[in-house]
Amino acid sequence: MDQVNGSVVTDFVLLGLAQSLGMQFFLFLFFSLFYVGIILGNLFIVFTVIFDSHLHSPMYILLANLSLIDLGLSSTTVPRAIFDLFSDCKIISFHSCMIQMFFIHVMGGVEMALLIAMAYDRYTAICKPLHYLTIMSPKMCMLLIVAAWIIGVIHAVFQFVFVINLPFCGPNYVGSFYCDFPRIIKLACMATYKLEFVVTANSGFISMGTFFFLIMSYIFILVTVRKHSSKDLSKAFFTLSAHITVVVLFFTPCMFLYVWPFPTKSLDTFFSIVDFVVTPVLNPAIYTLRNRDMKVAMRRLTGQVVSSREMT
């Protein structure tokens, strides 16, 4: 084998999700249908926000960016997983593995920061409605988006610089259908408990801290609304329920994957599928079904598309 980065390992072996042909076909249909749903659902939200001037507000601009990140996060693993279902040799090159890990954590870090930005947007809109347009100006919205991308890149680079230089000289079985820092670190030919702690702190503890911070933020908003007017509580809860659901769907798998002290292969696989396949397709449904403005805008956009086709 050629030396890569001073090591003898030039590729890694990924986990096969199914052994029987029947299960392979089931997972192929499941992954394919969900991935098509991820592409269509998230792009539909993006194009709706772009082409409908009624949605050119911070909340929907942040939502469109969240949809792009969901699509990107899913695309880092799902196409490869679909391809590997019927492959006898589930091998990924060293460089492809490193690239996959890097972009998974860039997208994950950006999504985490966007969810915080969206919580801040809802806090401003509900608790400080008279100052909303001043605080959440277009400039502030762009700053939040740029900051989210910077945080995502820093989050990924901080782990990547340690892993890329590790010596890999022996075992190369990843034990998952995609590459990720905790699994790759364990394959290094050196003591890596310090690096494992760095990854756990950078991905796990930050995910857990952000999750509880967001939940407490939404509780604070609801308590604030209740103090001013109990009649508005149900309306505020209806508005925030979509955000809370998305936060739970995103952070629960992350906490189990990076913090859970008793990991098992089946549990890791389940939460990975939820994180990369299920959550990205549910987010568009949650935000559209729970948001009247989005439903109206989508009907308006669909009507415009149908009208343009009839005219041609």
C-alpha atoms as a PDB file:
ATOM      1  CA  MET A   1       0.000   0.000   0.000  1.00  0.00           C
ATOM      2  CA  ASP A   2       1.083   3.548  -0.606  1.00  0.00           C
ATOM      3  CA  GLN A   3       1.796   5.649   2.427  1.00  0.00           C
ATOM      4  CA  VAL A   4      -0.835   8.243   3.224  1.00  0.00           C
ATOM      5  CA  ASN A   5       0.016  10.802   5.864  1.00  0.00           C
ATOM      6  CA  GLY A   6       2.773   8.594   7.211  1.00  0.00           C
ATOM      7  CA  SER A   7       0.425   5.627   7.682  1.00  0.00           C
ATOM      8  CA  VAL A   8      -0.138   2.299   5.960  1.00  0.00           C
ATOM      9  CA  VAL A   9      -3.930   2.641   5.840  1.00  0.00           C
ATOM     10  CA  THR A  10      -5.168   4.105   2.555  1.00  0.00           C
ATOM     11  CA  ASP A  11      -8.840   3.240   2.937  1.00  0.00           C
ATOM     12  CA  PHE A  12     -11.474   2.302   5.492  1.00  0.00           C
ATOM     13  CA  VAL A  13     -14.150  -0.398   5.466  1.00  0.00           C
ATOM     14  CA  LEU A  14     -17.672   0.814   6.222  1.00  0.00           C
ATOM     15  CA  LEU A  15     -20.456  -1.086   7.953  1.00  0.00           C
ATOM     16  CA  GLY A  16     -22.981  -2.972   5.850  1.00  0.00           C
ATOM     17  CA  LEU A  17     -26.507  -1.978   6.864  1.00  0.00           C
ATOM     18  CA  ALA A  18     -28.144  -5.187   5.622  1.00  0.00           C
ATOM     19  CA  GLN A  19     -27.121  -8.750   4.857  1.00  0.00           C
ATOM     20  CA  SER A  20     -30.240 -10.204   3.235  1.00  0.00           C
ATOM     21  CA  LEU A  21     -31.353  -9.141  -0.235  1.00  0.00           C
ATOM     22  CA  GLY A  22     -34.868  -8.351   1.006  1.00  0.00           C
ATOM     23  CA  MET A  23     -33.577  -5.952   3.658  1.00  0.00           C
ATOM     24  CA  GLN A  24     -31.238  -4.367   1.115  1.00  0.00           C
ATOM     25  CA  PHE A  25     -34.178  -3.613  -1.200  1.00  0.00           C
ATOM     26  CA  PHE A  26     -36.229  -2.266   1.725  1.00  0.00           C
ATOM     27  CA  LEU A  27     -33.434   0.085   2.823  1.00  0.00           C
ATOM     28  CA  PHE A  28     -32.830   1.096  -0.790  1.00  0.00           C
ATOM     29  CA  LEU A  29     -36.475   2.161  -1.152  1.00  0.00           C
ATOM     30  CA  PHE A  30     -36.504   3.768   2.302  1.00  0.00           C
ATOM     31  CA  PHE A  31     -33.320   5.779   1.766  1.00  0.00           C
ATOM     32  CA  SER A  32     -34.174   6.692  -1.838  1.00  0.00           C
ATOM     33  CA  LEU A  33     -37.718   7.890  -1.092  1.00  0.00           C
ATOM     34  CA  PHE A  34     -36.621   9.865   1.945  1.00  0.00           C
ATOM     35  CA  TYR A  35     -33.683  11.412   0.094  1.00  0.00           C
ATOM     36  CA  VAL A  36     -35.957  12.508  -2.760  1.00  0.00           C
ATOM     37  CA  GLY A  37     -38.268  13.956  -0.115  1.00  0.00           C
ATOM     38  CA  ILE A  38     -35.316  15.770   1.481  1.00  0.00           C
ATOM     39  CA  ILE A  39     -34.293  17.295  -1.857  1.00  0.00           C
ATOM     40  CA  LEU A  40     -37.794  18.318  -2.958  1.00  0.00           C
ATOM     41  CA  GLY A  41     -39.028  19.470   0.467  1.00  0.00           C
ATOM     42  CA  ASN A  42     -36.027  21.576   1.391  1.00  0.00           C
ATOM     43  CA  LEU A  43     -35.531  23.073  -2.073  1.00  0.00           C
ATOM     44  CA  PHE A  44     -39.248  23.916  -2.215  1.00  0.00           C
ATOM     45  CA  ILE A  45     -38.862  25.925   0.999  1.00  0.00           C
ATOM     46  CA  VAL A  46     -35.756  27.671  -0.358  1.00  0.00           C
ATOM     47  CA  PHE A  47     -37.416  28.632  -3.658  1.00  0.00           C
ATOM     48  CA  THR A  48     -40.629  29.682  -1.903  1.00  0.00           C
ATOM     49  CA  VAL A  49     -38.699  32.057   0.364  1.00  0.00           C
ATOM     50  CA  ILE A  50     -36.654  33.406  -2.564  1.00  0.00           C
ATOM     51  CA  PHE A  51     -39.536  34.049  -4.963  1.00  0.00           C
ATOM     52  CA  ASP A  52     -42.247  35.151  -2.510  1.00  0.00           C
ATOM     53  CA  SER A  53     -41.635  38.716  -1.357  1.00  0.00           C
ATOM     54  CA  HIS A  54     -44.011  38.202   1.603  1.00  0.00           C
ATOM     55  CA  LEU A  55     -41.423  35.838   3.121  1.00  0.00           C
ATOM     56  CA  HIS A  56     -38.447  38.186   2.888  1.00  0.00           C
ATOM     57  CA  SER A  57     -38.212  38.468   6.670  1.00  0.00           C
ATOM     58  CA  PRO A  58     -35.483  37.212   9.040  1.00  0.00           C
ATOM     59  CA  MET A  59     -37.484  34.202  10.243  1.00  0.00           C
ATOM     60  CA  TYR A  60     -37.972  32.792   6.753  1.00  0.00           C
ATOM     61  CA  ILE A  61     -34.493  33.711   5.525  1.00  0.00           C
ATOM     62  CA  LEU A  62     -33.078  31.725   8.451  1.00  0.00           C
ATOM     63  CA  LEU A  63     -35.503  28.904   7.654  1.00  0.00           C
ATOM     64  CA  ALA A  64     -34.337  28.801   4.024  1.00  0.00           C
ATOM     65  CA  ASN A  65     -30.730  28.557   5.198  1.00  0.00           C
ATOM     66  CA  LEU A  66     -31.695  25.774   7.609  1.00  0.00           C
ATOM     67  CA  SER A  67     -33.280  23.888   4.694  1.00  0.00           C
ATOM     68  CA  LEU A  68     -30.073  24.208   2.655  1.00  0.00           C
ATOM     69  CA  ILE A  69     -28.039  22.899   5.595  1.00  0.00           C
ATOM     70  CA  ASP A  70     -30.434  19.955   6.076  1.00  0.00           C
ATOM     71  CA  LEU A  71     -30.004  19.084   2.404  1.00  0.00           C
ATOM     72  CA  GLY A  72     -26.227  19.402   2.659  1.00  0.00           C
ATOM     73  CA  LEU A  73     -25.994  17.353   5.862  1.00  0.00           C
ATOM     74  CA  SER A  74     -28.042  14.540   4.392  1.00  0.00           C
ATOM     75  CA  SER A  75     -26.038  14.607   1.145  1.00  0.00           C
ATOM     76  CA  THR A  76     -22.792  13.937   3.023  1.00  0.00           C
ATOM     77  CA  THR A  77     -23.895  10.381   3.883  1.00  0.00           C
ATOM     78  CA  VAL A  78     -27.159   9.213   2.252  1.00  0.00           C
ATOM     79  CA  PRO A  79     -26.048   8.919  -1.426  1.00  0.00           C
ATOM     80  CA  ARG A  80     -23.008   6.910  -0.338  1.00  0.00           C
ATOM     81  CA  ALA A  81     -25.151   4.705   1.928  1.00  0.00           C
ATOM     82  CA  ILE A  82     -27.563   3.980  -0.960  1.00  0.00           C
ATOM     83  CA  PHE A  83     -24.661   3.112  -3.276  1.00  0.00           C
ATOM     84  CA  ASP A  84     -23.064   0.792  -0.684  1.00  0.00           C
ATOM     85  CA  LEU A  85     -26.243  -1.218  -0.046  1.00  0.00           C
ATOM     86  CA  PHE A  86     -25.621  -3.517  -3.026  1.00  0.00           C
ATOM     87  CA  SER A  87     -21.831  -3.269  -2.965  1.00  0.00           C
ATOM     88  CA  ASP A  88     -19.823  -6.269  -1.781  1.00  0.00           C
ATOM     89  CA  CYS A  89     -16.815  -4.091  -0.977  1.00  0.00           C
ATOM     90  CA  LYS A  90     -17.886  -1.116   1.148  1.00  0.00           C
ATOM     91  CA  ILE A  91     -14.592   0.761   1.029  1.00  0.00           C
ATOM     92  CA  ILE A  92     -14.021   4.504   1.330  1.00  0.00           C
ATOM     93  CA  SER A  93     -10.644   6.068   0.635  1.00  0.00           C
ATOM     94  CA  PHE A  94      -8.689   7.840   3.372  1.00  0.00           C
ATOM     95  CA  HIS A  95      -9.145  11.253   1.757  1.00  0.00           C
ATOM     96  CA  SER A  96     -12.859  10.713   1.045  1.00  0.00           C
ATOM     97  CA  CYS A  97     -13.348   9.690   4.669  1.00  0.00           C
ATOM     98  CA  MET A  98     -11.609  12.836   5.906  1.00  0.00           C
ATOM     99  CA  ILE A  99     -13.663  15.039   3.566  1.00  0.00           C
ATOM    100  CA  GLN A 100     -16.912  13.374   4.655  1.00  0.00           C
ATOM    101  CA  MET A 101     -16.142  13.920   8.342  1.00  0.00           C
ATOM    102  CA  PHE A 102     -15.177  17.519   7.759  1.00  0.00           C
ATOM    103  CA  PHE A 103     -18.391  18.441   5.930  1.00  0.00           C
ATOM    104  CA  ILE A 104     -20.605  16.511   8.361  1.00  0.00           C
ATOM    105  CA  HIS A 105     -19.301  18.668  11.185  1.00  0.00           C
ATOM    106  CA  VAL A 106     -19.367  21.893   9.179  1.00  0.00           C
ATOM    107  CA  MET A 107     -23.036  21.318   8.362  1.00  0.00           C
ATOM    108  CA  GLY A 108     -23.825  20.168  11.896  1.00  0.00           C
ATOM    109  CA  GLY A 109     -22.116  23.195  13.435  1.00  0.00           C
ATOM    110  CA  VAL A 110     -23.888  25.596  11.087  1.00  0.00           C
ATOM    111  CA  GLU A 111     -27.273  24.013  11.852  1.00  0.00           C
ATOM    112  CA  MET A 112     -26.637  24.276  15.584  1.00  0.00           C
ATOM    113  CA  ALA A 113     -25.832  27.986  15.241  1.00  0.00           C
ATOM    114  CA  LEU A 114     -28.835  28.596  12.963  1.00  0.00           C
ATOM    115  CA  LEU A 115     -31.189  27.032  15.506  1.00  0.00           C
ATOM    116  CA  ILE A 116     -29.818  29.439  18.132  1.00  0.00           C
ATOM    117  CA  ALA A 117     -30.322  32.349  15.705  1.00  0.00           C
ATOM    118  CA  MET A 118     -33.896  31.227  15.047  1.00  0.00           C
ATOM    119  CA  ALA A 119     -34.573  31.052  18.784  1.00  0.00           C
ATOM    120  CA  TYR A 120     -33.236  34.607  19.171  1.00  0.00           C
ATOM    121  CA  ASP A 121     -35.454  35.722  16.285  1.00  0.00           C
ATOM    122  CA  ARG A 122     -38.562  34.227  17.934  1.00  0.00           C
ATOM    123  CA  TYR A 123     -37.614  35.745  21.314  1.00  0.00           C
ATOM    124  CA  THR A 124     -37.342  39.185  19.708  1.00  0.00           C
ATOM    125  CA  ALA A 125     -40.579  38.789  17.737  1.00  0.00           C
ATOM    126  CA  ILE A 126     -42.631  37.577  20.714  1.00  0.00           C
ATOM    127  CA  CYS A 127     -41.079  39.417  23.665  1.00  0.00           C
ATOM    128  CA  LYS A 128     -40.008  42.653  21.933  1.00  0.00           C
ATOM    129  CA  PRO A 129     -42.421  43.038  19.004  1.00  0.00           C
ATOM    130  CA  LEU A 130     -42.151  46.840  18.832  1.00  0.00           C
ATOM    131  CA  HIS A 131     -38.378  46.643  18.416  1.00  0.00           C
ATOM    132  CA  TYR A 132     -38.332  43.545  16.190  1.00  0.00           C
ATOM    133  CA  LEU A 133     -37.669  45.290  12.872  1.00  0.00           C
ATOM    134  CA  THR A 134     -34.936  47.389  14.448  1.00  0.00           C
ATOM    135  CA  ILE A 135     -33.173  44.497  16.176  1.00  0.00           C
ATOM    136  CA  MET A 136     -33.635  41.871  13.442  1.00  0.00           C
ATOM    137  CA  SER A 137     -32.664  44.127  10.558  1.00  0.00           C
ATOM    138  CA  PRO A 138     -31.482  42.634   7.228  1.00  0.00           C
ATOM    139  CA  LYS A 139     -27.906  43.434   8.297  1.00  0.00           C
ATOM    140  CA  MET A 140     -28.346  41.569  11.588  1.00  0.00           C
ATOM    141  CA  CYS A 141     -29.889  38.623   9.751  1.00  0.00           C
ATOM    142  CA  MET A 142     -26.900  38.391   7.394  1.00  0.00           C
ATOM    143  CA  LEU A 143     -24.486  38.685  10.328  1.00  0.00           C
ATOM    144  CA  LEU A 144     -26.216  35.763  12.068  1.00  0.00           C
ATOM    145  CA  ILE A 145     -25.974  33.618   8.929  1.00  0.00           C
ATOM    146  CA  VAL A 146     -22.302  34.468   8.361  1.00  0.00           C
ATOM    147  CA  ALA A 147     -21.576  33.830  12.052  1.00  0.00           C
ATOM    148  CA  ALA A 148     -23.305  30.436  11.800  1.00  0.00           C
ATOM    149  CA  TRP A 149     -21.026  29.421   8.912  1.00  0.00           C
ATOM    150  CA  ILE A 150     -17.922  30.639  10.741  1.00  0.00           C
ATOM    151  CA  ILE A 151     -18.912  28.673  13.844  1.00  0.00           C
ATOM    152  CA  GLY A 152     -19.555  25.562  11.736  1.00  0.00           C
ATOM    153  CA  VAL A 153     -16.152  25.752  10.039  1.00  0.00           C
ATOM    154  CA  ILE A 154     -14.330  26.379  13.334  1.00  0.00           C
ATOM    155  CA  HIS A 155     -16.213  23.474  14.937  1.00  0.00           C
ATOM    156  CA  ALA A 156     -15.078  21.111  12.153  1.00  0.00           C
ATOM    157  CA  VAL A 157     -11.509  22.408  11.799  1.00  0.00           C
ATOM    158  CA  PHE A 158     -10.896  22.182  15.550  1.00  0.00           C
ATOM    159  CA  GLN A 159     -11.376  18.390  15.390  1.00  0.00           C
ATOM    160  CA  PHE A 160     -10.096  17.843  11.868  1.00  0.00           C
ATOM    161  CA  VAL A 161      -6.572  19.194  12.509  1.00  0.00           C
ATOM    162  CA  PHE A 162      -6.037  16.546  15.199  1.00  0.00           C
ATOM    163  CA  VAL A 163      -7.428  13.596  13.252  1.00  0.00           C
ATOM    164  CA  ILE A 164      -5.783  14.258   9.871  1.00  0.00           C
ATOM    165  CA  ASN A 165      -2.307  13.782  11.370  1.00  0.00           C
ATOM    166  CA  LEU A 166      -3.017  10.602  13.342  1.00  0.00           C
ATOM    167  CA  PRO A 167      -1.045   7.469  12.388  1.00  0.00           C
ATOM    168  CA  PHE A 168      -3.259   4.677  10.988  1.00  0.00           C
ATOM    169  CA  CYS A 169      -1.308   1.450  10.620  1.00  0.00           C
ATOM    170  CA  GLY A 170      -3.608  -1.470  11.319  1.00  0.00           C
ATOM    171  CA  PRO A 171      -7.365  -1.928  11.713  1.00  0.00           C
ATOM    172  CA  ASN A 172      -9.500  -0.038   9.220  1.00  0.00           C
ATOM    173  CA  TYR A 173     -13.042  -1.256   9.998  1.00  0.00           C
ATOM    174  CA  VAL A 174     -15.093   1.840  10.888  1.00  0.00           C
ATOM    175  CA  GLY A 175     -18.140   0.062  12.329  1.00  0.00           C
ATOM    176  CA  SER A 176     -20.603   2.533  10.778  1.00  0.00           C
ATOM    177  CA  PHE A 177     -22.046   3.312   7.333  1.00  0.00           C
ATOM    178  CA  TYR A 178     -20.197   6.657   7.329  1.00  0.00           C
ATOM    179  CA  CYS A 179     -16.973   8.140   8.702  1.00  0.00           C
ATOM    180  CA  ASP A 180     -17.033  10.185  11.893  1.00  0.00           C
ATOM    181  CA  PHE A 181     -14.376  11.461  14.255  1.00  0.00           C
ATOM    182  CA  PRO A 182     -15.056   9.193  17.296  1.00  0.00           C
ATOM    183  CA  ARG A 183     -14.898   6.003  15.230  1.00  0.00           C
ATOM    184  CA  ILE A 184     -11.865   6.993  13.149  1.00  0.00           C
ATOM    185  CA  ILE A 185      -9.879   8.137  16.188  1.00  0.00           C
ATOM    186  CA  LYS A 186     -10.228   4.673  17.759  1.00  0.00           C
ATOM    187  CA  LEU A 187      -8.457   3.167  14.726  1.00  0.00           C
ATOM    188  CA  ALA A 188      -5.289   5.205  15.249  1.00  0.00           C
ATOM    189  CA  CYS A 189      -2.070   3.437  16.273  1.00  0.00           C
ATOM    190  CA  MET A 190      -1.578   5.454  19.451  1.00  0.00           C
ATOM    191  CA  ALA A 191      -3.282   6.302  22.730  1.00  0.00           C
ATOM    192  CA  THR A 192      -6.188   8.558  21.819  1.00  0.00           C
ATOM    193  CA  TYR A 193      -8.168   8.999  25.029  1.00  0.00           C
ATOM    194  CA  LYS A 194      -7.300  12.724  25.137  1.00  0.00           C
ATOM    195  CA  LEU A 195      -8.492  13.214  21.552  1.00  0.00           C
ATOM    196  CA  GLU A 196     -11.648  11.234  22.296  1.00  0.00           C
ATOM    197  CA  PHE A 197     -12.362  13.627  25.142  1.00  0.00           C
ATOM    198  CA  VAL A 198     -11.774  16.615  22.825  1.00  0.00           C
ATOM    199  CA  VAL A 199     -14.297  15.199  20.319  1.00  0.00           C
ATOM    200  CA  THR A 200     -16.792  14.410  23.079  1.00  0.00           C
ATOM    201  CA  ALA A 201     -16.455  17.932  24.452  1.00  0.00           C
ATOM    202  CA  ASN A 202     -16.551  19.609  21.029  1.00  0.00           C
ATOM    203  CA  SER A 203     -19.495  17.662  19.636  1.00  0.00           C
ATOM    204  CA  GLY A 204     -21.235  16.029  22.574  1.00  0.00           C
ATOM    205  CA  PHE A 205     -21.108  18.476  25.454  1.00  0.00           C
ATOM    206  CA  ILE A 206     -21.648  21.472  23.165  1.00  0.00           C
ATOM    207  CA  SER A 207     -24.676  19.731  21.625  1.00  0.00           C
ATOM    208  CA  MET A 208     -26.079  18.943  25.060  1.00  0.00           C
ATOM    209  CA  GLY A 209     -25.418  22.458  26.359  1.00  0.00           C
ATOM    210  CA  THR A 210     -26.955  24.066  23.281  1.00  0.00           C
ATOM    211  CA  PHE A 211     -29.993  21.789  23.489  1.00  0.00           C
ATOM    212  CA  PHE A 212     -30.767  22.690  27.106  1.00  0.00           C
ATOM    213  CA  PHE A 213     -30.031  26.372  26.403  1.00  0.00           C
ATOM    214  CA  LEU A 214     -32.569  26.384  23.549  1.00  0.00           C
ATOM    215  CA  ILE A 215     -35.216  24.534  25.549  1.00  0.00           C
ATOM    216  CA  MET A 216     -34.774  26.935  28.468  1.00  0.00           C
ATOM    217  CA  SER A 217     -34.965  29.860  26.027  1.00  0.00           C
ATOM    218  CA  TYR A 218     -38.305  28.696  24.670  1.00  0.00           C
ATOM    219  CA  ILE A 219     -39.610  28.092  28.203  1.00  0.00           C
ATOM    220  CA  PHE A 220     -38.491  31.616  29.140  1.00  0.00           C
ATOM    221  CA  ILE A 221     -40.368  33.037  26.130  1.00  0.00           C
ATOM    222  CA  LEU A 222     -43.547  31.176  27.098  1.00  0.00           C
ATOM    223  CA  VAL A 223     -43.287  32.290  30.746  1.00  0.00           C
ATOM    224  CA  THR A 224     -42.748  35.896  29.625  1.00  0.00           C
ATOM    225  CA  VAL A 225     -45.812  35.732  27.361  1.00  0.00           C
ATOM    226  CA  ARG A 226     -47.909  34.233  30.161  1.00  0.00           C
ATOM    227  CA  LYS A 227     -46.979  37.069  32.521  1.00  0.00           C
ATOM    228  CA  HIS A 228     -48.179  39.676  30.031  1.00  0.00           C
ATOM    229  CA  SER A 229     -51.230  37.921  28.656  1.00  0.00           C
ATOM    230  CA  SER A 230     -52.433  34.379  29.303  1.00  0.00           C
ATOM    231  CA  LYS A 231     -54.595  34.620  26.162  1.00  0.00           C
ATOM    232  CA  ASP A 232     -51.516  34.885  23.971  1.00  0.00           C
ATOM    233  CA  LEU A 233     -49.870  31.823  25.547  1.00  0.00           C
ATOM    234  CA  SER A 234     -51.553  29.284  23.272  1.00  0.00           C
ATOM    235  CA  LYS A 235     -50.675  31.336  20.195  1.00  0.00           C
ATOM    236  CA  ALA A 236     -47.042  31.635  21.287  1.00  0.00           C
ATOM    237  CA  PHE A 237     -46.863  27.912  22.055  1.00  0.00           C
ATOM    238  CA  PHE A 238     -48.305  27.084  18.624  1.00  0.00           C
ATOM    239  CA  THR A 239     -45.673  29.318  17.018  1.00  0.00           C
ATOM    240  CA  LEU A 240     -42.793  27.827  19.023  1.00  0.00           C
ATOM    241  CA  SER A 241     -43.898  24.182  18.860  1.00  0.00           C
ATOM    242  CA  ALA A 242     -42.385  23.733  15.388  1.00  0.00           C
ATOM    243  CA  HIS A 243     -39.051  25.152  16.564  1.00  0.00           C
ATOM    244  CA  ILE A 244     -39.046  22.997  19.710  1.00  0.00           C
ATOM    245  CA  THR A 245     -39.826  19.855  17.678  1.00  0.00           C
ATOM    246  CA  VAL A 246     -36.961  20.545  15.264  1.00  0.00           C
ATOM    247  CA  VAL A 247     -34.553  21.205  18.152  1.00  0.00           C
ATOM    248  CA  VAL A 248     -35.472  17.881  19.794  1.00  0.00           C
ATOM    249  CA  LEU A 249     -35.160  15.985  16.497  1.00  0.00           C
ATOM    250  CA  PHE A 250     -31.742  17.461  15.739  1.00  0.00           C
ATOM    251  CA  PHE A 251     -30.066  17.321  19.148  1.00  0.00           C
ATOM    252  CA  THR A 252     -31.362  13.995  20.533  1.00  0.00           C
ATOM    253  CA  PRO A 253     -29.391  11.834  18.032  1.00  0.00           C
ATOM    254  CA  CYS A 254     -26.308  14.068  18.468  1.00  0.00           C
ATOM    255  CA  MET A 255     -26.315  13.628  22.236  1.00  0.00           C
ATOM    256  CA  PHE A 256     -26.697   9.847  21.981  1.00  0.00           C
ATOM    257  CA  LEU A 257     -23.990   9.553  19.308  1.00  0.00           C
ATOM    258  CA  TYR A 258     -21.381  11.680  21.091  1.00  0.00           C
ATOM    259  CA  VAL A 259     -22.185  11.584  24.815  1.00  0.00           C
ATOM    260  CA  TRP A 260     -23.998   8.296  25.550  1.00  0.00           C
ATOM    261  CA  PRO A 261     -21.502   6.270  27.655  1.00  0.00           C
ATOM    262  CA  PHE A 262     -22.777   2.821  26.559  1.00  0.00           C
ATOM    263  CA  PRO A 263     -22.828   2.922  22.756  1.00  0.00           C
ATOM    264  CA  THR A 264     -23.981  -0.077  20.745  1.00  0.00           C
ATOM    265  CA  LYS A 265     -23.723  -0.595  17.015  1.00  0.00           C
ATOM    266  CA  SER A 266     -27.484  -0.978  16.530  1.00  0.00           C
ATOM    267  CA  LEU A 267     -28.296   2.114  18.610  1.00  0.00           C
ATOM    268  CA  ASP A 268     -25.656   4.200  16.818  1.00  0.00           C
ATOM    269  CA  THR A 269     -26.983   3.087  13.435  1.00  0.00           C
ATOM    270  CA  PHE A 270     -30.555   3.926  14.420  1.00  0.00           C
ATOM    271  CA  PHE A 271     -29.733   7.441  15.622  1.00  0.00           C
ATOM    272  CA  SER A 272     -27.474   8.051  12.614  1.00  0.00           C
ATOM    273  CA  ILE A 273     -30.347   7.185  10.266  1.00  0.00           C
ATOM    274  CA  VAL A 274     -32.643   9.488  12.249  1.00  0.00           C
ATOM    275  CA  ASP A 275     -30.073  12.295  12.066  1.00  0.00           C
ATOM    276  CA  PHE A 276     -29.220  12.025   8.361  1.00  0.00           C
ATOM    277  CA  VAL A 277     -32.404  10.614   6.812  1.00  0.00           C
ATOM    278  CA  VAL A 278     -35.475  11.200   8.966  1.00  0.00           C
ATOM    279  CA  THR A 279     -34.911  14.640  10.522  1.00  0.00           C
ATOM    280  CA  PRO A 280     -34.016  16.456   7.249  1.00  0.00           C
ATOM    281  CA  VAL A 281     -37.236  15.268   5.627  1.00  0.00           C
ATOM    282  CA  LEU A 282     -39.380  16.065   8.665  1.00  0.00           C
ATOM    283  CA  ASN A 283     -38.140  19.644   9.103  1.00  0.00           C
ATOM    284  CA  PRO A 284     -39.835  20.968   5.912  1.00  0.00           C
ATOM    285  CA  ALA A 285     -43.059  19.176   6.842  1.00  0.00           C
ATOM    286  CA  ILE A 286     -43.000  20.555  10.393  1.00  0.00           C
ATOM    287  CA  TYR A 287     -42.388  24.151   9.337  1.00  0.00           C
ATOM    288  CA  THR A 288     -44.907  24.120   6.482  1.00  0.00           C
ATOM    289  CA  LEU A 289     -47.712  22.316   8.301  1.00  0.00           C
ATOM    290  CA  ARG A 290     -47.349  24.492  11.407  1.00  0.00           C
ATOM    291  CA  ASN A 291     -46.935  27.820   9.625  1.00  0.00           C
ATOM    292  CA  ARG A 292     -49.847  29.555   7.925  1.00  0.00           C
ATOM    293  CA  ASP A 293     -47.672  32.019   5.989  1.00  0.00           C
ATOM    294  CA  MET A 294     -45.572  29.202   4.516  1.00  0.00           C
ATOM    295  CA  LYS A 295     -48.669  27.264   3.441  1.00  0.00           C
ATOM    296  CA  VAL A 296     -50.177  30.332   1.799  1.00  0.00           C
ATOM    297  CA  ALA A 297     -46.891  31.174   0.057  1.00  0.00           C
ATOM    298  CA  MET A 298     -46.478  27.618  -1.225  1.00  0.00           C
ATOM    299  CA  ARG A 299     -50.011  27.609  -2.629  1.00  0.00           C
ATOM    300  CA  ARG A 300     -49.288  30.975  -4.229  1.00  0.00           C
ATOM    301  CA  LEU A 301     -46.031  29.713  -5.771  1.00  0.00           C
ATOM    302  CA  THR A 302     -47.672  26.495  -6.968  1.00  0.00           C
ATOM    303  CA  GLY A 303     -50.477  28.524  -8.545  1.00  0.00           C
ATOM    304  CA  GLN A 304     -47.969  30.732 -10.345  1.00  0.00           C
ATOM    305  CA  VAL A 305     -46.120  27.691 -11.713  1.00  0.00           C
ATOM    306  CA  VAL A 306     -49.362  26.087 -12.915  1.00  0.00           C
ATOM    307  CA  SER A 307     -50.525  29.364 -14.516  1.00  0.00           C
ATOM    308  CA  SER A 308     -47.219  29.817 -16.345  1.00  0.00           C
ATOM    309  CA  ARG A 309     -47.444  26.280 -17.714  1.00  0.00           C
ATOM    310  CA  GLU A 310     -51.000  26.821 -18.933  1.00  0.00           C
ATOM    311  CA  MET A 311     -49.956  30.040 -20.690  1.00  0.00           C
ATOM    312  CA  THR A 312     -47.167  28.207 -22.526  1.00  0.00           C
END
